[in-house]
PDB file of N, CA and C in Angstrom:
ATOM      1  N   MET A   1    -177.049-139.645  55.409  1.00  0.00           N
ATOM      2  CA  MET A   1    -175.494-139.409  55.215  1.00  0.00           C
ATOM      3  C   MET A   1    -175.165-137.874  55.952  1.00  0.00           C
ATOM      4  N   SER A   2    -173.787-138.501  56.262  1.00  0.00           N
ATOM      5  CA  SER A   2    -173.428-137.333  57.030  1.00  0.00           C
ATOM      6  C   SER A   2    -172.274-136.341  56.340  1.00  0.00           C
ATOM      7  N   GLU A   3    -171.635-135.329  56.780  1.00  0.00           N
ATOM      8  CA  GLU A   3    -170.959-134.465  55.956  1.00  0.00           C
ATOM      9  C   GLU A   3    -168.944-135.203  56.748  1.00  0.00           C
ATOM     10  N   MET A   4    -168.666-135.890  55.555  1.00  0.00           N
ATOM     11  CA  MET A   4    -167.299-136.624  56.105  1.00  0.00           C
ATOM     12  C   MET A   4    -166.937-136.942  54.668  1.00  0.00           C
ATOM     13  N   THR A   5    -165.026-137.288  54.904  1.00  0.00           N
ATOM     14  CA  THR A   5    -165.014-137.082  53.696  1.00  0.00           C
ATOM     15  C   THR A   5    -164.910-138.555  53.216  1.00  0.00           C
ATOM     16  N   LEU A   6    -164.960-138.841  51.940  1.00  0.00           N
ATOM     17  CA  LEU A   6    -165.382-140.050  51.326  1.00  0.00           C
ATOM     18  C   LEU A   6    -164.107-141.052  51.438  1.00  0.00           C
ATOM     19  N   GLN A   7    -164.266-141.780  51.501  1.00  0.00           N
ATOM     20  CA  GLN A   7    -163.372-143.503  51.498  1.00  0.00           C
ATOM     21  C   GLN A   7    -162.937-143.228  49.882  1.00  0.00           C
ATOM     22  N   SER A   8    -161.823-143.846  49.894  1.00  0.00           N
ATOM     23  CA  SER A   8    -160.643-143.787  48.447  1.00  0.00           C
ATOM     24  C   SER A   8    -161.540-144.278  47.646  1.00  0.00           C
ATOM     25  N   HIS A   9    -162.292-144.175  46.293  1.00  0.00           N
ATOM     26  CA  HIS A   9    -162.267-144.519  45.616  1.00  0.00           C
ATOM     27  C   HIS A   9    -162.067-144.487  44.065  1.00  0.00           C
ATOM     28  N   ALA A  10    -161.897-145.564  42.834  1.00  0.00           N
ATOM     29  CA  ALA A  10    -161.473-144.549  41.654  1.00  0.00           C
ATOM     30  C   ALA A  10    -162.689-143.831  40.930  1.00  0.00           C
ATOM     31  N   HIS A  11    -164.163-144.377  41.446  1.00  0.00           N
ATOM     32  CA  HIS A  11    -164.987-144.077  40.560  1.00  0.00           C
ATOM     33  C   HIS A  11    -166.197-143.277  41.699  1.00  0.00           C
ATOM     34  N   ALA A  12    -166.566-142.089  41.275  1.00  0.00           N
ATOM     35  CA  ALA A  12    -167.527-141.526  41.966  1.00  0.00           C
ATOM     36  C   ALA A  12    -168.959-140.884  41.299  1.00  0.00           C
ATOM     37  N   VAL A  13    -170.278-140.501  41.796  1.00  0.00           N
ATOM     38  CA  VAL A  13    -171.181-139.908  41.137  1.00  0.00           C
ATOM     39  C   VAL A  13    -171.591-139.039  42.224  1.00  0.00           C
ATOM     40  N   VAL A  14    -171.616-137.829  41.479  1.00  0.00           N
ATOM     41  CA  VAL A  14    -172.309-136.302  42.565  1.00  0.00           C
ATOM     42  C   VAL A  14    -173.012-136.119  41.842  1.00  0.00           C
ATOM     43  N   TRP A  15    -174.007-135.860  43.309  1.00  0.00           N
ATOM     44  CA  TRP A  15    -175.503-135.525  42.739  1.00  0.00           C
ATOM     45  C   TRP A  15    -175.109-133.806  43.263  1.00  0.00           C
ATOM     46  N   ILE A  16    -175.607-132.923  42.490  1.00  0.00           N
ATOM     47  CA  ILE A  16    -175.197-131.399  42.613  1.00  0.00           C
ATOM     48  C   ILE A  16    -175.992-130.378  42.917  1.00  0.00           C
ATOM     49  N   ASP A  17    -176.493-129.408  43.825  1.00  0.00           N
ATOM     50  CA  ASP A  17    -177.227-128.685  43.520  1.00  0.00           C
ATOM     51  C   ASP A  17    -177.014-127.145  44.366  1.00  0.00           C
ATOM     52  N   HIS A  18    -177.623-126.622  44.617  1.00  0.00           N
ATOM     53  CA  HIS A  18    -177.197-125.198  45.268  1.00  0.00           C
ATOM     54  C   HIS A  18    -177.422-125.041  46.986  1.00  0.00           C
ATOM     55  N   LEU A  19    -177.394-126.314  47.204  1.00  0.00           N
ATOM     56  CA  LEU A  19    -177.618-126.500  48.514  1.00  0.00           C
ATOM     57  C   LEU A  19    -176.703-127.636  49.382  1.00  0.00           C
ATOM     58  N   VAL A  20    -176.633-128.656  48.290  1.00  0.00           N
ATOM     59  CA  VAL A  20    -176.203-130.352  48.880  1.00  0.00           C
ATOM     60  C   VAL A  20    -175.754-130.663  47.637  1.00  0.00           C
ATOM     61  N   ALA A  21    -174.124-131.372  47.863  1.00  0.00           N
ATOM     62  CA  ALA A  21    -173.965-132.406  47.200  1.00  0.00           C
ATOM     63  C   ALA A  21    -173.880-133.758  47.904  1.00  0.00           C
ATOM     64  N   LYS A  22    -174.365-134.811  46.944  1.00  0.00           N
ATOM     65  CA  LYS A  22    -174.487-135.844  47.867  1.00  0.00           C
ATOM     66  C   LYS A  22    -173.519-136.962  46.672  1.00  0.00           C
ATOM     67  N   VAL A  23    -172.294-136.878  47.241  1.00  0.00           N
ATOM     68  CA  VAL A  23    -171.256-138.065  46.799  1.00  0.00           C
ATOM     69  C   VAL A  23    -171.109-139.417  46.648  1.00  0.00           C
ATOM     70  N   PHE A  24    -171.408-139.894  45.732  1.00  0.00           N
ATOM     71  CA  PHE A  24    -171.242-141.544  45.608  1.00  0.00           C
ATOM     72  C   PHE A  24    -169.737-142.339  45.112  1.00  0.00           C
ATOM     73  N   GLY A  25    -169.019-142.905  46.146  1.00  0.00           N
ATOM     74  CA  GLY A  25    -167.846-143.719  45.830  1.00  0.00           C
ATOM     75  C   GLY A  25    -168.085-145.198  45.172  1.00  0.00           C
ATOM     76  N   ILE A  26    -167.727-145.337  45.022  1.00  0.00           N
ATOM     77  CA  ILE A  26    -168.030-146.730  43.739  1.00  0.00           C
ATOM     78  C   ILE A  26    -166.442-146.989  43.398  1.00  0.00           C
ATOM     79  N   GLY A  27    -166.554-148.352  44.397  1.00  0.00           N
ATOM     80  CA  GLY A  27    -164.916-149.477  44.395  1.00  0.00           C
ATOM     81  C   GLY A  27    -164.933-150.597  44.326  1.00  0.00           C
ATOM     82  N   LEU A  28    -164.268-151.391  44.763  1.00  0.00           N
ATOM     83  CA  LEU A  28    -164.233-153.131  44.957  1.00  0.00           C
ATOM     84  C   LEU A  28    -165.216-153.307  45.571  1.00  0.00           C
ATOM     85  N   THR A  29    -164.604-152.521  47.039  1.00  0.00           N
ATOM     86  CA  THR A  29    -165.339-152.945  48.214  1.00  0.00           C
ATOM     87  C   THR A  29    -166.871-152.924  48.755  1.00  0.00           C
ATOM     88  N   GLY A  30    -167.962-151.837  47.078  1.00  0.00           N
ATOM     89  CA  GLY A  30    -168.699-151.573  47.498  1.00  0.00           C
ATOM     90  C   GLY A  30    -168.754-150.115  47.233  1.00  0.00           C
ATOM     91  N   VAL A  31    -170.361-149.236  47.493  1.00  0.00           N
ATOM     92  CA  VAL A  31    -170.197-148.156  47.521  1.00  0.00           C
ATOM     93  C   VAL A  31    -170.565-147.393  48.923  1.00  0.00           C
ATOM     94  N   SER A  32    -169.787-145.651  48.828  1.00  0.00           N
ATOM     95  CA  SER A  32    -169.971-145.017  50.492  1.00  0.00           C
ATOM     96  C   SER A  32    -171.093-144.130  49.780  1.00  0.00           C
ATOM     97  N   ALA A  33    -171.356-143.295  50.475  1.00  0.00           N
ATOM     98  CA  ALA A  33    -171.977-142.293  50.296  1.00  0.00           C
ATOM     99  C   ALA A  33    -172.013-141.400  51.802  1.00  0.00           C
ATOM    100  N   THR A  34    -171.820-140.048  50.775  1.00  0.00           N
ATOM    101  CA  THR A  34    -171.890-138.876  51.760  1.00  0.00           C
ATOM    102  C   THR A  34    -172.172-137.537  50.993  1.00  0.00           C
ATOM    103  N   ALA A  35    -172.381-136.718  52.480  1.00  0.00           N
ATOM    104  CA  ALA A  35    -173.074-135.490  51.618  1.00  0.00           C
ATOM    105  C   ALA A  35    -172.419-133.914  52.071  1.00  0.00           C
ATOM    106  N   VAL A  36    -172.201-133.286  51.438  1.00  0.00           N
ATOM    107  CA  VAL A  36    -171.370-131.719  51.911  1.00  0.00           C
ATOM    108  C   VAL A  36    -172.474-130.792  51.591  1.00  0.00           C
ATOM    109  N   HIS A  37    -172.781-130.520  52.486  1.00  0.00           N
ATOM    110  CA  HIS A  37    -174.382-129.277  52.745  1.00  0.00           C
ATOM    111  C   HIS A  37    -173.529-127.822  52.289  1.00  0.00           C
ATOM    112  N   ALA A  38    -174.490-126.558  51.637  1.00  0.00           N
ATOM    113  CA  ALA A  38    -173.689-125.680  51.659  1.00  0.00           C
ATOM    114  C   ALA A  38    -174.050-125.158  52.707  1.00  0.00           C
ATOM    115  N   HIS A  39    -173.353-124.169  52.676  1.00  0.00           N
ATOM    116  CA  HIS A  39    -173.843-122.496  54.243  1.00  0.00           C
ATOM    117  C   HIS A  39    -174.450-121.779  53.672  1.00  0.00           C
ATOM    118  N   LEU A  40    -175.941-121.477  53.484  1.00  0.00           N
ATOM    119  CA  LEU A  40    -176.321-120.584  53.047  1.00  0.00           C
ATOM    120  C   LEU A  40    -177.157-119.656  53.860  1.00  0.00           C
ATOM    121  N   ALA A  41    -177.630-118.435  53.342  1.00  0.00           N
ATOM    122  CA  ALA A  41    -177.802-117.681  54.719  1.00  0.00           C
ATOM    123  C   ALA A  41    -179.407-117.956  54.390  1.00  0.00           C
ATOM    124  N   SER A  42    -179.592-118.487  53.471  1.00  0.00           N
ATOM    125  CA  SER A  42    -181.561-118.797  53.221  1.00  0.00           C
ATOM    126  C   SER A  42    -181.362-119.798  52.426  1.00  0.00           C
ATOM    127  N   GLN A  43    -182.583-121.124  51.938  1.00  0.00           N
ATOM    128  CA  GLN A  43    -182.660-121.978  51.700  1.00  0.00           C
ATOM    129  C   GLN A  43    -183.288-121.503  50.014  1.00  0.00           C
ATOM    130  N   HIS A  44    -183.434-120.075  49.949  1.00  0.00           N
ATOM    131  CA  HIS A  44    -184.179-120.049  48.424  1.00  0.00           C
ATOM    132  C   HIS A  44    -182.949-118.978  47.727  1.00  0.00           C
ATOM    133  N   LEU A  45    -183.003-119.500  46.246  1.00  0.00           N
ATOM    134  CA  LEU A  45    -182.158-118.370  45.799  1.00  0.00           C
ATOM    135  C   LEU A  45    -182.464-116.503  45.334  1.00  0.00           C
ATOM    136  N   HIS A  46    -183.275-116.401  45.173  1.00  0.00           N
ATOM    137  CA  HIS A  46    -183.403-114.877  44.783  1.00  0.00           C
ATOM    138  C   HIS A  46    -184.644-114.509  45.943  1.00  0.00           C
ATOM    139  N   HIS A  47    -184.633-113.340  46.487  1.00  0.00           N
ATOM    140  CA  HIS A  47    -184.970-112.500  47.900  1.00  0.00           C
ATOM    141  C   HIS A  47    -185.254-111.277  47.263  1.00  0.00           C
ATOM    142  N   LYS A  48    -186.308-110.812  46.137  1.00  0.00           N
ATOM    143  CA  LYS A  48    -185.863-108.825  46.005  1.00  0.00           C
ATOM    144  C   LYS A  48    -186.670-108.488  46.852  1.00  0.00           C
ATOM    145  N   THR A  49    -187.529-109.046  47.819  1.00  0.00           N
ATOM    146  CA  THR A  49    -188.501-108.027  48.753  1.00  0.00           C
ATOM    147  C   THR A  49    -186.922-107.376  49.609  1.00  0.00           C
ATOM    148  N   ASN A  50    -187.560-106.144  49.539  1.00  0.00           N
ATOM    149  CA  ASN A  50    -186.473-104.755  50.086  1.00  0.00           C
ATOM    150  C   ASN A  50    -185.167-105.380  50.273  1.00  0.00           C
ATOM    151  N   THR A  51    -184.697-105.336  48.657  1.00  0.00           N
ATOM    152  CA  THR A  51    -183.111-105.818  48.813  1.00  0.00           C
ATOM    153  C   THR A  51    -182.499-104.590  47.439  1.00  0.00           C
ATOM    154  N   ILE A  52    -181.042-104.474  47.739  1.00  0.00           N
ATOM    155  CA  ILE A  52    -180.938-103.302  46.837  1.00  0.00           C
ATOM    156  C   ILE A  52    -180.358-104.785  46.142  1.00  0.00           C
ATOM    157  N   GLY A  53    -179.960-104.166  44.917  1.00  0.00           N
ATOM    158  CA  GLY A  53    -179.351-105.152  43.576  1.00  0.00           C
ATOM    159  C   GLY A  53    -180.615-106.438  43.076  1.00  0.00           C
ATOM    160  N   ASP A  54    -179.745-106.962  42.803  1.00  0.00           N
ATOM    161  CA  ASP A  54    -180.021-108.577  41.791  1.00  0.00           C
ATOM    162  C   ASP A  54    -180.836-109.473  43.028  1.00  0.00           C
ATOM    163  N   GLY A  55    -180.777-109.070  44.482  1.00  0.00           N
ATOM    164  CA  GLY A  55    -181.727-110.266  45.488  1.00  0.00           C
ATOM    165  C   GLY A  55    -181.908-111.278  45.563  1.00  0.00           C
ATOM    166  N   ARG A  56    -180.170-111.718  44.430  1.00  0.00           N
ATOM    167  CA  ARG A  56    -179.867-113.154  44.849  1.00  0.00           C
ATOM    168  C   ARG A  56    -178.942-113.220  46.538  1.00  0.00           C
ATOM    169  N   VAL A  57    -178.954-114.544  47.060  1.00  0.00           N
ATOM    170  CA  VAL A  57    -178.358-114.860  47.959  1.00  0.00           C
ATOM    171  C   VAL A  57    -176.939-115.150  47.959  1.00  0.00           C
ATOM    172  N   GLN A  58    -175.784-114.959  48.762  1.00  0.00           N
ATOM    173  CA  GLN A  58    -175.089-115.106  47.957  1.00  0.00           C
ATOM    174  C   GLN A  58    -174.191-116.273  48.505  1.00  0.00           C
ATOM    175  N   ALA A  59    -173.520-117.036  47.403  1.00  0.00           N
ATOM    176  CA  ALA A  59    -173.297-118.630  47.973  1.00  0.00           C
ATOM    177  C   ALA A  59    -172.279-118.572  48.465  1.00  0.00           C
ATOM    178  N   ASP A  60    -171.826-119.923  48.864  1.00  0.00           N
ATOM    179  CA  ASP A  60    -171.293-120.632  49.976  1.00  0.00           C
ATOM    180  C   ASP A  60    -170.051-120.227  49.181  1.00  0.00           C
ATOM    181  N   ALA A  61    -169.057-119.616  49.657  1.00  0.00           N
ATOM    182  CA  ALA A  61    -167.505-119.589  48.595  1.00  0.00           C
ATOM    183  C   ALA A  61    -166.779-121.293  49.250  1.00  0.00           C
ATOM    184  N   THR A  62    -166.863-121.658  50.184  1.00  0.00           N
ATOM    185  CA  THR A  62    -165.982-123.184  50.471  1.00  0.00           C
ATOM    186  C   THR A  62    -166.771-124.243  50.047  1.00  0.00           C
ATOM    187  N   PHE A  63    -168.197-123.925  49.117  1.00  0.00           N
ATOM    188  CA  PHE A  63    -169.302-125.292  49.327  1.00  0.00           C
ATOM    189  C   PHE A  63    -167.892-126.096  47.950  1.00  0.00           C
ATOM    190  N   LEU A  64    -167.782-125.654  47.440  1.00  0.00           N
ATOM    191  CA  LEU A  64    -167.297-125.976  45.768  1.00  0.00           C
ATOM    192  C   LEU A  64    -165.972-126.697  46.450  1.00  0.00           C
ATOM    193  N   ALA A  65    -165.102-125.910  47.026  1.00  0.00           N
ATOM    194  CA  ALA A  65    -163.280-126.523  47.693  1.00  0.00           C
ATOM    195  C   ALA A  65    -163.933-127.892  48.557  1.00  0.00           C
ATOM    196  N   ARG A  66    -165.070-127.831  49.777  1.00  0.00           N
ATOM    197  CA  ARG A  66    -165.343-129.122  50.226  1.00  0.00           C
ATOM    198  C   ARG A  66    -165.816-130.234  49.559  1.00  0.00           C
ATOM    199  N   VAL A  67    -167.045-130.192  48.732  1.00  0.00           N
ATOM    200  CA  VAL A  67    -167.159-130.944  47.881  1.00  0.00           C
ATOM    201  C   VAL A  67    -165.703-131.812  46.635  1.00  0.00           C
ATOM    202  N   GLY A  68    -164.817-130.655  46.264  1.00  0.00           N
ATOM    203  CA  GLY A  68    -163.333-130.746  45.839  1.00  0.00           C
ATOM    204  C   GLY A  68    -162.424-131.676  46.922  1.00  0.00           C
ATOM    205  N   GLU A  69    -162.892-131.635  48.067  1.00  0.00           N
ATOM    206  CA  GLU A  69    -162.003-132.842  48.891  1.00  0.00           C
ATOM    207  C   GLU A  69    -162.732-133.659  48.855  1.00  0.00           C
ATOM    208  N   ALA A  70    -163.968-133.872  48.874  1.00  0.00           N
ATOM    209  CA  ALA A  70    -164.904-135.596  48.926  1.00  0.00           C
ATOM    210  C   ALA A  70    -164.680-136.149  47.741  1.00  0.00           C
ATOM    211  N   VAL A  71    -163.963-135.501  46.314  1.00  0.00           N
ATOM    212  CA  VAL A  71    -164.055-136.236  45.650  1.00  0.00           C
ATOM    213  C   VAL A  71    -162.618-136.295  44.923  1.00  0.00           C
ATOM    214  N   SER A  72    -161.387-136.013  45.757  1.00  0.00           N
ATOM    215  CA  SER A  72    -160.371-135.558  45.345  1.00  0.00           C
ATOM    216  C   SER A  72    -159.151-137.271  45.505  1.00  0.00           C
ATOM    217  N   GLY A  73    -159.825-138.152  45.458  1.00  0.00           N
ATOM    218  CA  GLY A  73    -159.221-139.672  45.469  1.00  0.00           C
ATOM    219  C   GLY A  73    -159.947-140.196  44.183  1.00  0.00           C
ATOM    220  N   CYS A  74    -160.735-139.751  43.472  1.00  0.00           N
ATOM    221  CA  CYS A  74    -161.378-140.237  42.571  1.00  0.00           C
ATOM    222  C   CYS A  74    -160.695-139.839  41.234  1.00  0.00           C
ATOM    223  N   SER A  75    -160.418-141.305  40.508  1.00  0.00           N
ATOM    224  CA  SER A  75    -159.972-140.625  38.829  1.00  0.00           C
ATOM    225  C   SER A  75    -161.106-140.575  38.089  1.00  0.00           C
ATOM    226  N   ASP A  76    -162.311-140.952  38.223  1.00  0.00           N
ATOM    227  CA  ASP A  76    -163.166-141.318  37.593  1.00  0.00           C
ATOM    228  C   ASP A  76    -164.810-140.160  38.176  1.00  0.00           C
ATOM    229  N   LEU A  77    -165.270-139.543  37.560  1.00  0.00           N
ATOM    230  CA  LEU A  77    -166.179-138.750  38.220  1.00  0.00           C
ATOM    231  C   LEU A  77    -167.065-138.593  37.209  1.00  0.00           C
ATOM    232  N   LEU A  78    -168.818-138.795  37.360  1.00  0.00           N
ATOM    233  CA  LEU A  78    -169.958-138.530  36.650  1.00  0.00           C
ATOM    234  C   LEU A  78    -170.697-136.988  37.635  1.00  0.00           C
ATOM    235  N   VAL A  79    -170.598-136.477  37.144  1.00  0.00           N
ATOM    236  CA  VAL A  79    -171.530-134.633  38.005  1.00  0.00           C
ATOM    237  C   VAL A  79    -172.850-134.520  37.210  1.00  0.00           C
ATOM    238  N   ILE A  80    -173.887-134.907  38.031  1.00  0.00           N
ATOM    239  CA  ILE A  80    -175.374-134.368  37.227  1.00  0.00           C
ATOM    240  C   ILE A  80    -176.233-134.115  38.581  1.00  0.00           C
ATOM    241  N   GLY A  81    -177.231-133.166  38.441  1.00  0.00           N
ATOM    242  CA  GLY A  81    -178.124-132.618  39.072  1.00  0.00           C
ATOM    243  C   GLY A  81    -178.856-131.618  38.072  1.00  0.00           C
ATOM    244  N   PRO A  82    -179.740-130.489  39.023  1.00  0.00           N
ATOM    245  CA  PRO A  82    -180.600-129.435  38.355  1.00  0.00           C
ATOM    246  C   PRO A  82    -179.188-128.086  38.244  1.00  0.00           C
ATOM    247  N   GLY A  83    -179.694-127.154  37.164  1.00  0.00           N
ATOM    248  CA  GLY A  83    -178.945-125.654  37.512  1.00  0.00           C
ATOM    249  C   GLY A  83    -177.933-125.901  37.199  1.00  0.00           C
ATOM    250  N   VAL A  84    -177.002-125.163  37.259  1.00  0.00           N
ATOM    251  CA  VAL A  84    -174.774-124.322  36.446  1.00  0.00           C
ATOM    252  C   VAL A  84    -174.435-124.980  37.931  1.00  0.00           C
ATOM    253  N   GLU A  85    -174.875-125.734  38.820  1.00  0.00           N
ATOM    254  CA  GLU A  85    -173.881-125.912  39.660  1.00  0.00           C
ATOM    255  C   GLU A  85    -172.991-127.031  39.657  1.00  0.00           C
ATOM    256  N   LYS A  86    -173.423-127.959  38.529  1.00  0.00           N
ATOM    257  CA  LYS A  86    -172.456-129.108  38.015  1.00  0.00           C
ATOM    258  C   LYS A  86    -171.517-128.918  37.097  1.00  0.00           C
ATOM    259  N   VAL A  87    -172.220-127.495  36.112  1.00  0.00           N
ATOM    260  CA  VAL A  87    -171.177-126.795  35.728  1.00  0.00           C
ATOM    261  C   VAL A  87    -169.887-126.255  36.221  1.00  0.00           C
ATOM    262  N   GLU A  88    -170.182-125.530  37.230  1.00  0.00           N
ATOM    263  CA  GLU A  88    -169.341-124.599  38.673  1.00  0.00           C
ATOM    264  C   GLU A  88    -168.213-125.504  39.241  1.00  0.00           C
ATOM    265  N   LEU A  89    -169.296-126.799  39.704  1.00  0.00           N
ATOM    266  CA  LEU A  89    -168.029-127.493  40.440  1.00  0.00           C
ATOM    267  C   LEU A  89    -166.664-128.323  38.764  1.00  0.00           C
ATOM    268  N   MET A  90    -167.458-128.680  37.793  1.00  0.00           N
ATOM    269  CA  MET A  90    -166.092-129.493  37.272  1.00  0.00           C
ATOM    270  C   MET A  90    -165.655-128.092  36.309  1.00  0.00           C
ATOM    271  N   GLN A  91    -165.898-126.349  36.332  1.00  0.00           N
ATOM    272  CA  GLN A  91    -164.717-125.584  36.312  1.00  0.00           C
ATOM    273  C   GLN A  91    -163.700-125.515  37.351  1.00  0.00           C
ATOM    274  N   TYR A  92    -164.389-125.603  38.756  1.00  0.00           N
ATOM    275  CA  TYR A  92    -163.433-125.699  39.410  1.00  0.00           C
ATOM    276  C   TYR A  92    -162.351-126.498  40.218  1.00  0.00           C
ATOM    277  N   LEU A  93    -162.999-127.745  39.864  1.00  0.00           N
ATOM    278  CA  LEU A  93    -162.473-128.597  39.412  1.00  0.00           C
ATOM    279  C   LEU A  93    -160.946-128.834  38.635  1.00  0.00           C
ATOM    280  N   THR A  94    -161.690-128.212  37.426  1.00  0.00           N
ATOM    281  CA  THR A  94    -160.047-128.528  36.268  1.00  0.00           C
ATOM    282  C   THR A  94    -159.534-127.315  36.873  1.00  0.00           C
ATOM    283  N   ALA A  95    -159.947-125.646  36.775  1.00  0.00           N
ATOM    284  CA  ALA A  95    -159.093-124.859  37.735  1.00  0.00           C
ATOM    285  C   ALA A  95    -158.159-125.310  38.806  1.00  0.00           C
ATOM    286  N   ASN A  96    -158.869-125.889  40.015  1.00  0.00           N
ATOM    287  CA  ASN A  96    -157.983-126.698  41.352  1.00  0.00           C
ATOM    288  C   ASN A  96    -157.868-128.085  41.424  1.00  0.00           C
ATOM    289  N   GLY A  97    -157.843-128.469  40.554  1.00  0.00           N
ATOM    290  CA  GLY A  97    -157.098-129.772  40.531  1.00  0.00           C
ATOM    291  C   GLY A  97    -155.812-130.154  40.635  1.00  0.00           C
ATOM    292  N   PRO A  98    -155.656-131.426  41.063  1.00  0.00           N
ATOM    293  CA  PRO A  98    -153.874-131.968  40.857  1.00  0.00           C
ATOM    294  C   PRO A  98    -153.665-131.714  39.774  1.00  0.00           C
ATOM    295  N   THR A  99    -152.395-131.009  40.075  1.00  0.00           N
ATOM    296  CA  THR A  99    -151.240-131.136  38.357  1.00  0.00           C
ATOM    297  C   THR A  99    -150.346-132.181  38.960  1.00  0.00           C
ATOM    298  N   SER A 100    -150.203-132.199  37.609  1.00  0.00           N
ATOM    299  CA  SER A 100    -149.335-133.953  37.793  1.00  0.00           C
ATOM    300  C   SER A 100    -148.234-133.323  37.091  1.00  0.00           C
ATOM    301  N   THR A 101    -147.249-134.101  37.361  1.00  0.00           N
ATOM    302  CA  THR A 101    -145.581-133.639  37.295  1.00  0.00           C
ATOM    303  C   THR A 101    -144.860-134.910  36.150  1.00  0.00           C
ATOM    304  N   ALA A 102    -145.901-135.538  36.194  1.00  0.00           N
ATOM    305  CA  ALA A 102    -144.977-136.717  35.008  1.00  0.00           C
ATOM    306  C   ALA A 102    -145.406-136.271  33.245  1.00  0.00           C
TER     307      ALA A 102
END
């Protein structure tokens, strides 16, 4: 899977963790898959050795926005995966989703 724009599908499943979001669009013509990768300084979440503060790696600020773009055409979305990234994605989509004028 490569990072690319997902075809417009009504339904999608997103598996997300802190490194990658795998997006599976499901439509009448079949299933398409794409991956959106986070750009982190390290693959590990915590680095306490020789650091000031809590030792956490800074998150990719554009990661959720890029995942949001990948699922922008979907009307139904199932988000799964380990950790809190799925909750963060749903909060991002709720806060930054398209506004309805009707």
